[in-house]
Amino acid sequence: MKKDAHEFSDEVRALMGQIITELLSDGDAVTPERLIQGLHLFSENTDDADDYLDCMELIQFLMKKLH
């Protein structure tokens, strides 16, 4: 269970790691905008409801950090 708004589940952390690894392997810069884009793309292509919700949670967190 989360202790505060900045703590994410292991699944969300793993998903973020996958996206960062993919960005780096493609030679792309890792920025909040690119992370949001990667999360959005992943969420559109997943059939797993939990993965989708994890993506939305992290997208909202990153968007709040940008504003």
PDB file of N, CA and C in Angstrom:
ATOM      1  N   MET A   1       0.836  -1.182   0.000  1.00  0.00           N
ATOM      2  CA  MET A   1       0.000   0.000   0.000  1.00  0.00           C
ATOM      3  C   MET A   1       0.881   1.245   0.000  1.00  0.00           C
ATOM      4  N   LYS A   2       0.428   2.269  -0.652  1.00  0.00           N
ATOM      5  CA  LYS A   2       1.195   3.504  -0.767  1.00  0.00           C
ATOM      6  C   LYS A   2       1.204   4.263   0.549  1.00  0.00           C
ATOM      7  N   LYS A   3       2.349   4.821   0.858  1.00  0.00           N
ATOM      8  CA  LYS A   3       2.465   5.642   2.051  1.00  0.00           C
ATOM      9  C   LYS A   3       2.192   7.104   1.738  1.00  0.00           C
ATOM     10  N   ASP A   4       2.530   7.517   0.522  1.00  0.00           N
ATOM     11  CA  ASP A   4       2.250   8.890   0.103  1.00  0.00           C
ATOM     12  C   ASP A   4       2.114   8.933  -1.418  1.00  0.00           C
ATOM     13  N   ALA A   5       1.870  10.117  -1.950  1.00  0.00           N
ATOM     14  CA  ALA A   5       1.587  10.263  -3.375  1.00  0.00           C
ATOM     15  C   ALA A   5       2.807   9.994  -4.250  1.00  0.00           C
ATOM     16  N   HIS A   6       3.997   9.986  -3.662  1.00  0.00           N
ATOM     17  CA  HIS A   6       5.210   9.800  -4.453  1.00  0.00           C
ATOM     18  C   HIS A   6       5.700   8.361  -4.465  1.00  0.00           C
ATOM     19  N   GLU A   7       4.975   7.476  -3.847  1.00  0.00           N
ATOM     20  CA  GLU A   7       5.385   6.092  -3.777  1.00  0.00           C
ATOM     21  C   GLU A   7       4.521   5.260  -4.717  1.00  0.00           C
ATOM     22  N   PHE A   8       5.168   4.522  -5.608  1.00  0.00           N
ATOM     23  CA  PHE A   8       4.450   3.719  -6.586  1.00  0.00           C
ATOM     24  C   PHE A   8       4.731   2.245  -6.354  1.00  0.00           C
ATOM     25  N   SER A   9       3.839   1.421  -6.830  1.00  0.00           N
ATOM     26  CA  SER A   9       3.985  -0.028  -6.696  1.00  0.00           C
ATOM     27  C   SER A   9       5.202  -0.519  -7.481  1.00  0.00           C
ATOM     28  N   ASP A  10       5.629  -1.718  -7.166  1.00  0.00           N
ATOM     29  CA  ASP A  10       6.743  -2.326  -7.894  1.00  0.00           C
ATOM     30  C   ASP A  10       6.411  -2.470  -9.377  1.00  0.00           C
ATOM     31  N   GLU A  11       5.143  -2.734  -9.677  1.00  0.00           N
ATOM     32  CA  GLU A  11       4.732  -2.889 -11.074  1.00  0.00           C
ATOM     33  C   GLU A  11       4.899  -1.576 -11.840  1.00  0.00           C
ATOM     34  N   VAL A  12       4.538  -0.475 -11.217  1.00  0.00           N
ATOM     35  CA  VAL A  12       4.666   0.832 -11.870  1.00  0.00           C
ATOM     36  C   VAL A  12       6.147   1.155 -12.065  1.00  0.00           C
ATOM     37  N   ARG A  13       6.952   0.870 -11.073  1.00  0.00           N
ATOM     38  CA  ARG A  13       8.399   1.113 -11.191  1.00  0.00           C
ATOM     39  C   ARG A  13       9.007   0.254 -12.302  1.00  0.00           C
ATOM     40  N   ALA A  14       8.573  -0.989 -12.406  1.00  0.00           N
ATOM     41  CA  ALA A  14       9.076  -1.868 -13.461  1.00  0.00           C
ATOM     42  C   ALA A  14       8.673  -1.356 -14.836  1.00  0.00           C
ATOM     43  N   LEU A  15       7.450  -0.893 -14.950  1.00  0.00           N
ATOM     44  CA  LEU A  15       6.974  -0.341 -16.215  1.00  0.00           C
ATOM     45  C   LEU A  15       7.790   0.882 -16.610  1.00  0.00           C
ATOM     46  N   MET A  16       8.051   1.753 -15.655  1.00  0.00           N
ATOM     47  CA  MET A  16       8.864   2.937 -15.928  1.00  0.00           C
ATOM     48  C   MET A  16      10.269   2.525 -16.377  1.00  0.00           C
ATOM     49  N   GLY A  17      10.826   1.518 -15.719  1.00  0.00           N
ATOM     50  CA  GLY A  17      12.148   1.023 -16.114  1.00  0.00           C
ATOM     51  C   GLY A  17      12.165   0.496 -17.534  1.00  0.00           C
ATOM     52  N   GLN A  18      11.115  -0.199 -17.927  1.00  0.00           N
ATOM     53  CA  GLN A  18      11.022  -0.713 -19.299  1.00  0.00           C
ATOM     54  C   GLN A  18      10.989   0.432 -20.308  1.00  0.00           C
ATOM     55  N   ILE A  19      10.215   1.450 -20.008  1.00  0.00           N
ATOM     56  CA  ILE A  19      10.089   2.581 -20.931  1.00  0.00           C
ATOM     57  C   ILE A  19      11.405   3.344 -21.012  1.00  0.00           C
ATOM     58  N   ILE A  20      12.060   3.568 -19.885  1.00  0.00           N
ATOM     59  CA  ILE A  20      13.345   4.271 -19.884  1.00  0.00           C
ATOM     60  C   ILE A  20      14.387   3.468 -20.663  1.00  0.00           C
ATOM     61  N   THR A  21      14.415   2.162 -20.446  1.00  0.00           N
ATOM     62  CA  THR A  21      15.355   1.307 -21.174  1.00  0.00           C
ATOM     63  C   THR A  21      15.121   1.396 -22.670  1.00  0.00           C
ATOM     64  N   GLU A  22      13.866   1.370 -23.070  1.00  0.00           N
ATOM     65  CA  GLU A  22      13.540   1.464 -24.497  1.00  0.00           C
ATOM     66  C   GLU A  22      13.969   2.815 -25.069  1.00  0.00           C
ATOM     67  N   LEU A  23      13.699   3.894 -24.345  1.00  0.00           N
ATOM     68  CA  LEU A  23      14.111   5.221 -24.819  1.00  0.00           C
ATOM     69  C   LEU A  23      15.624   5.283 -24.984  1.00  0.00           C
ATOM     70  N   LEU A  24      16.350   4.799 -23.989  1.00  0.00           N
ATOM     71  CA  LEU A  24      17.811   4.843 -24.046  1.00  0.00           C
ATOM     72  C   LEU A  24      18.361   3.960 -25.161  1.00  0.00           C
ATOM     73  N   SER A  25      17.773   2.790 -25.357  1.00  0.00           N
ATOM     74  CA  SER A  25      18.266   1.894 -26.408  1.00  0.00           C
ATOM     75  C   SER A  25      17.990   2.461 -27.801  1.00  0.00           C
ATOM     76  N   ASP A  26      16.967   3.309 -27.911  1.00  0.00           N
ATOM     77  CA  ASP A  26      16.667   3.971 -29.181  1.00  0.00           C
ATOM     78  C   ASP A  26      17.487   5.239 -29.373  1.00  0.00           C
ATOM     79  N   GLY A  27      18.273   5.601 -28.345  1.00  0.00           N
ATOM     80  CA  GLY A  27      19.094   6.811 -28.432  1.00  0.00           C
ATOM     81  C   GLY A  27      18.323   8.075 -28.115  1.00  0.00           C
ATOM     82  N   ASP A  28      17.148   7.960 -27.531  1.00  0.00           N
ATOM     83  CA  ASP A  28      16.326   9.123 -27.203  1.00  0.00           C
ATOM     84  C   ASP A  28      16.679   9.656 -25.816  1.00  0.00           C
ATOM     85  N   ALA A  29      16.448  10.935 -25.619  1.00  0.00           N
ATOM     86  CA  ALA A  29      16.622  11.550 -24.307  1.00  0.00           C
ATOM     87  C   ALA A  29      15.462  11.127 -23.406  1.00  0.00           C
ATOM     88  N   VAL A  30      15.760  10.968 -22.129  1.00  0.00           N
ATOM     89  CA  VAL A  30      14.726  10.628 -21.158  1.00  0.00           C
ATOM     90  C   VAL A  30      14.255  11.925 -20.505  1.00  0.00           C
ATOM     91  N   THR A  31      13.072  12.365 -20.889  1.00  0.00           N
ATOM     92  CA  THR A  31      12.465  13.578 -20.346  1.00  0.00           C
ATOM     93  C   THR A  31      11.074  13.223 -19.834  1.00  0.00           C
ATOM     94  N   PRO A  32      10.512  14.052 -18.969  1.00  0.00           N
ATOM     95  CA  PRO A  32       9.134  13.768 -18.531  1.00  0.00           C
ATOM     96  C   PRO A  32       8.160  13.651 -19.704  1.00  0.00           C
ATOM     97  N   GLU A  33       8.343  14.487 -20.700  1.00  0.00           N
ATOM     98  CA  GLU A  33       7.449  14.446 -21.858  1.00  0.00           C
ATOM     99  C   GLU A  33       7.560  13.124 -22.604  1.00  0.00           C
ATOM    100  N   ARG A  34       8.802  12.638 -22.774  1.00  0.00           N
ATOM    101  CA  ARG A  34       9.013  11.365 -23.474  1.00  0.00           C
ATOM    102  C   ARG A  34       8.483  10.193 -22.641  1.00  0.00           C
ATOM    103  N   LEU A  35       8.626  10.292 -21.322  1.00  0.00           N
ATOM    104  CA  LEU A  35       8.082   9.247 -20.459  1.00  0.00           C
ATOM    105  C   LEU A  35       6.565   9.201 -20.564  1.00  0.00           C
ATOM    106  N   ILE A  36       5.936  10.364 -20.554  1.00  0.00           N
ATOM    107  CA  ILE A  36       4.474  10.432 -20.693  1.00  0.00           C
ATOM    108  C   ILE A  36       4.057   9.845 -22.036  1.00  0.00           C
ATOM    109  N   GLN A  37       4.785  10.196 -23.085  1.00  0.00           N
ATOM    110  CA  GLN A  37       4.471   9.665 -24.416  1.00  0.00           C
ATOM    111  C   GLN A  37       4.600   8.141 -24.437  1.00  0.00           C
ATOM    112  N   GLY A  38       5.666   7.617 -23.839  1.00  0.00           N
ATOM    113  CA  GLY A  38       5.860   6.174 -23.795  1.00  0.00           C
ATOM    114  C   GLY A  38       4.781   5.470 -22.984  1.00  0.00           C
ATOM    115  N   LEU A  39       4.421   6.057 -21.852  1.00  0.00           N
ATOM    116  CA  LEU A  39       3.362   5.489 -21.023  1.00  0.00           C
ATOM    117  C   LEU A  39       2.027   5.500 -21.750  1.00  0.00           C
ATOM    118  N   HIS A  40       1.757   6.589 -22.450  1.00  0.00           N
ATOM    119  CA  HIS A  40       0.505   6.685 -23.192  1.00  0.00           C
ATOM    120  C   HIS A  40       0.445   5.629 -24.295  1.00  0.00           C
ATOM    121  N   LEU A  41       1.543   5.483 -25.023  1.00  0.00           N
ATOM    122  CA  LEU A  41       1.593   4.479 -26.084  1.00  0.00           C
ATOM    123  C   LEU A  41       1.404   3.078 -25.518  1.00  0.00           C
ATOM    124  N   PHE A  42       2.085   2.788 -24.411  1.00  0.00           N
ATOM    125  CA  PHE A  42       1.940   1.479 -23.784  1.00  0.00           C
ATOM    126  C   PHE A  42       0.498   1.258 -23.337  1.00  0.00           C
ATOM    127  N   SER A  43      -0.114   2.279 -22.727  1.00  0.00           N
ATOM    128  CA  SER A  43      -1.479   2.127 -22.215  1.00  0.00           C
ATOM    129  C   SER A  43      -2.481   1.875 -23.340  1.00  0.00           C
ATOM    130  N   GLU A  44      -2.211   2.440 -24.521  1.00  0.00           N
ATOM    131  CA  GLU A  44      -3.113   2.220 -25.659  1.00  0.00           C
ATOM    132  C   GLU A  44      -3.018   0.803 -26.204  1.00  0.00           C
ATOM    133  N   ASN A  45      -1.874   0.166 -25.982  1.00  0.00           N
ATOM    134  CA  ASN A  45      -1.643  -1.149 -26.579  1.00  0.00           C
ATOM    135  C   ASN A  45      -1.778  -2.312 -25.604  1.00  0.00           C
ATOM    136  N   THR A  46      -2.055  -2.041 -24.344  1.00  0.00           N
ATOM    137  CA  THR A  46      -2.163  -3.134 -23.377  1.00  0.00           C
ATOM    138  C   THR A  46      -3.604  -3.607 -23.243  1.00  0.00           C
ATOM    139  N   ASP A  47      -3.726  -4.899 -23.017  1.00  0.00           N
ATOM    140  CA  ASP A  47      -5.046  -5.483 -22.751  1.00  0.00           C
ATOM    141  C   ASP A  47      -5.246  -5.705 -21.260  1.00  0.00           C
ATOM    142  N   ASP A  48      -4.214  -5.404 -20.469  1.00  0.00           N
ATOM    143  CA  ASP A  48      -4.253  -5.622 -19.026  1.00  0.00           C
ATOM    144  C   ASP A  48      -4.770  -4.361 -18.329  1.00  0.00           C
ATOM    145  N   ALA A  49      -5.880  -4.489 -17.640  1.00  0.00           N
ATOM    146  CA  ALA A  49      -6.503  -3.335 -16.973  1.00  0.00           C
ATOM    147  C   ALA A  49      -5.597  -2.747 -15.897  1.00  0.00           C
ATOM    148  N   ASP A  50      -4.870  -3.590 -15.182  1.00  0.00           N
ATOM    149  CA  ASP A  50      -3.961  -3.089 -14.147  1.00  0.00           C
ATOM    150  C   ASP A  50      -2.814  -2.283 -14.754  1.00  0.00           C
ATOM    151  N   ASP A  51      -2.258  -2.768 -15.869  1.00  0.00           N
ATOM    152  CA  ASP A  51      -1.195  -2.017 -16.547  1.00  0.00           C
ATOM    153  C   ASP A  51      -1.714  -0.666 -17.023  1.00  0.00           C
ATOM    154  N   TYR A  52      -2.930  -0.664 -17.555  1.00  0.00           N
ATOM    155  CA  TYR A  52      -3.527   0.590 -18.016  1.00  0.00           C
ATOM    156  C   TYR A  52      -3.664   1.581 -16.857  1.00  0.00           C
ATOM    157  N   LEU A  53      -4.197   1.118 -15.750  1.00  0.00           N
ATOM    158  CA  LEU A  53      -4.370   1.993 -14.587  1.00  0.00           C
ATOM    159  C   LEU A  53      -3.034   2.478 -14.040  1.00  0.00           C
ATOM    160  N   ASP A  54      -2.023   1.608 -14.045  1.00  0.00           N
ATOM    161  CA  ASP A  54      -0.687   2.012 -13.611  1.00  0.00           C
ATOM    162  C   ASP A  54      -0.142   3.125 -14.500  1.00  0.00           C
ATOM    163  N   CYS A  55      -0.333   2.983 -15.792  1.00  0.00           N
ATOM    164  CA  CYS A  55       0.121   4.016 -16.734  1.00  0.00           C
ATOM    165  C   CYS A  55      -0.577   5.341 -16.462  1.00  0.00           C
ATOM    166  N   MET A  56      -1.881   5.303 -16.285  1.00  0.00           N
ATOM    167  CA  MET A  56      -2.630   6.528 -16.043  1.00  0.00           C
ATOM    168  C   MET A  56      -2.192   7.205 -14.749  1.00  0.00           C
ATOM    169  N   GLU A  57      -1.920   6.406 -13.727  1.00  0.00           N
ATOM    170  CA  GLU A  57      -1.463   6.953 -12.455  1.00  0.00           C
ATOM    171  C   GLU A  57      -0.123   7.674 -12.623  1.00  0.00           C
ATOM    172  N   LEU A  58       0.781   7.050 -13.334  1.00  0.00           N
ATOM    173  CA  LEU A  58       2.097   7.652 -13.515  1.00  0.00           C
ATOM    174  C   LEU A  58       2.039   8.855 -14.449  1.00  0.00           C
ATOM    175  N   ILE A  59       1.220   8.804 -15.470  1.00  0.00           N
ATOM    176  CA  ILE A  59       1.046   9.958 -16.365  1.00  0.00           C
ATOM    177  C   ILE A  59       0.535  11.153 -15.576  1.00  0.00           C
ATOM    178  N   GLN A  60      -0.458  10.942 -14.737  1.00  0.00           N
ATOM    179  CA  GLN A  60      -0.996  12.041 -13.926  1.00  0.00           C
ATOM    180  C   GLN A  60       0.067  12.610 -12.999  1.00  0.00           C
ATOM    181  N   PHE A  61       0.864  11.741 -12.387  1.00  0.00           N
ATOM    182  CA  PHE A  61       1.929  12.189 -11.497  1.00  0.00           C
ATOM    183  C   PHE A  61       2.938  13.050 -12.260  1.00  0.00           C
ATOM    184  N   LEU A  62       3.370  12.584 -13.431  1.00  0.00           N
ATOM    185  CA  LEU A  62       4.351  13.327 -14.214  1.00  0.00           C
ATOM    186  C   LEU A  62       3.789  14.655 -14.714  1.00  0.00           C
ATOM    187  N   MET A  63       2.526  14.654 -15.115  1.00  0.00           N
ATOM    188  CA  MET A  63       1.909  15.886 -15.617  1.00  0.00           C
ATOM    189  C   MET A  63       1.821  16.924 -14.499  1.00  0.00           C
ATOM    190  N   LYS A  64       1.530  16.496 -13.286  1.00  0.00           N
ATOM    191  CA  LYS A  64       1.495  17.426 -12.146  1.00  0.00           C
ATOM    192  C   LYS A  64       2.876  18.011 -11.895  1.00  0.00           C
ATOM    193  N   LYS A  65       3.915  17.201 -12.090  1.00  0.00           N
ATOM    194  CA  LYS A  65       5.286  17.672 -11.882  1.00  0.00           C
ATOM    195  C   LYS A  65       5.691  18.710 -12.937  1.00  0.00           C
ATOM    196  N   LEU A  66       5.092  18.627 -14.106  1.00  0.00           N
ATOM    197  CA  LEU A  66       5.426  19.562 -15.177  1.00  0.00           C
ATOM    198  C   LEU A  66       4.767  20.923 -14.998  1.00  0.00           C
ATOM    199  N   HIS A  67       3.711  20.975 -14.228  1.00  0.00           N
ATOM    200  CA  HIS A  67       2.964  22.243 -14.063  1.00  0.00           C
ATOM    201  C   HIS A  67       3.181  22.879 -12.741  1.00  0.00           C
TER     202      HIS A  67
END
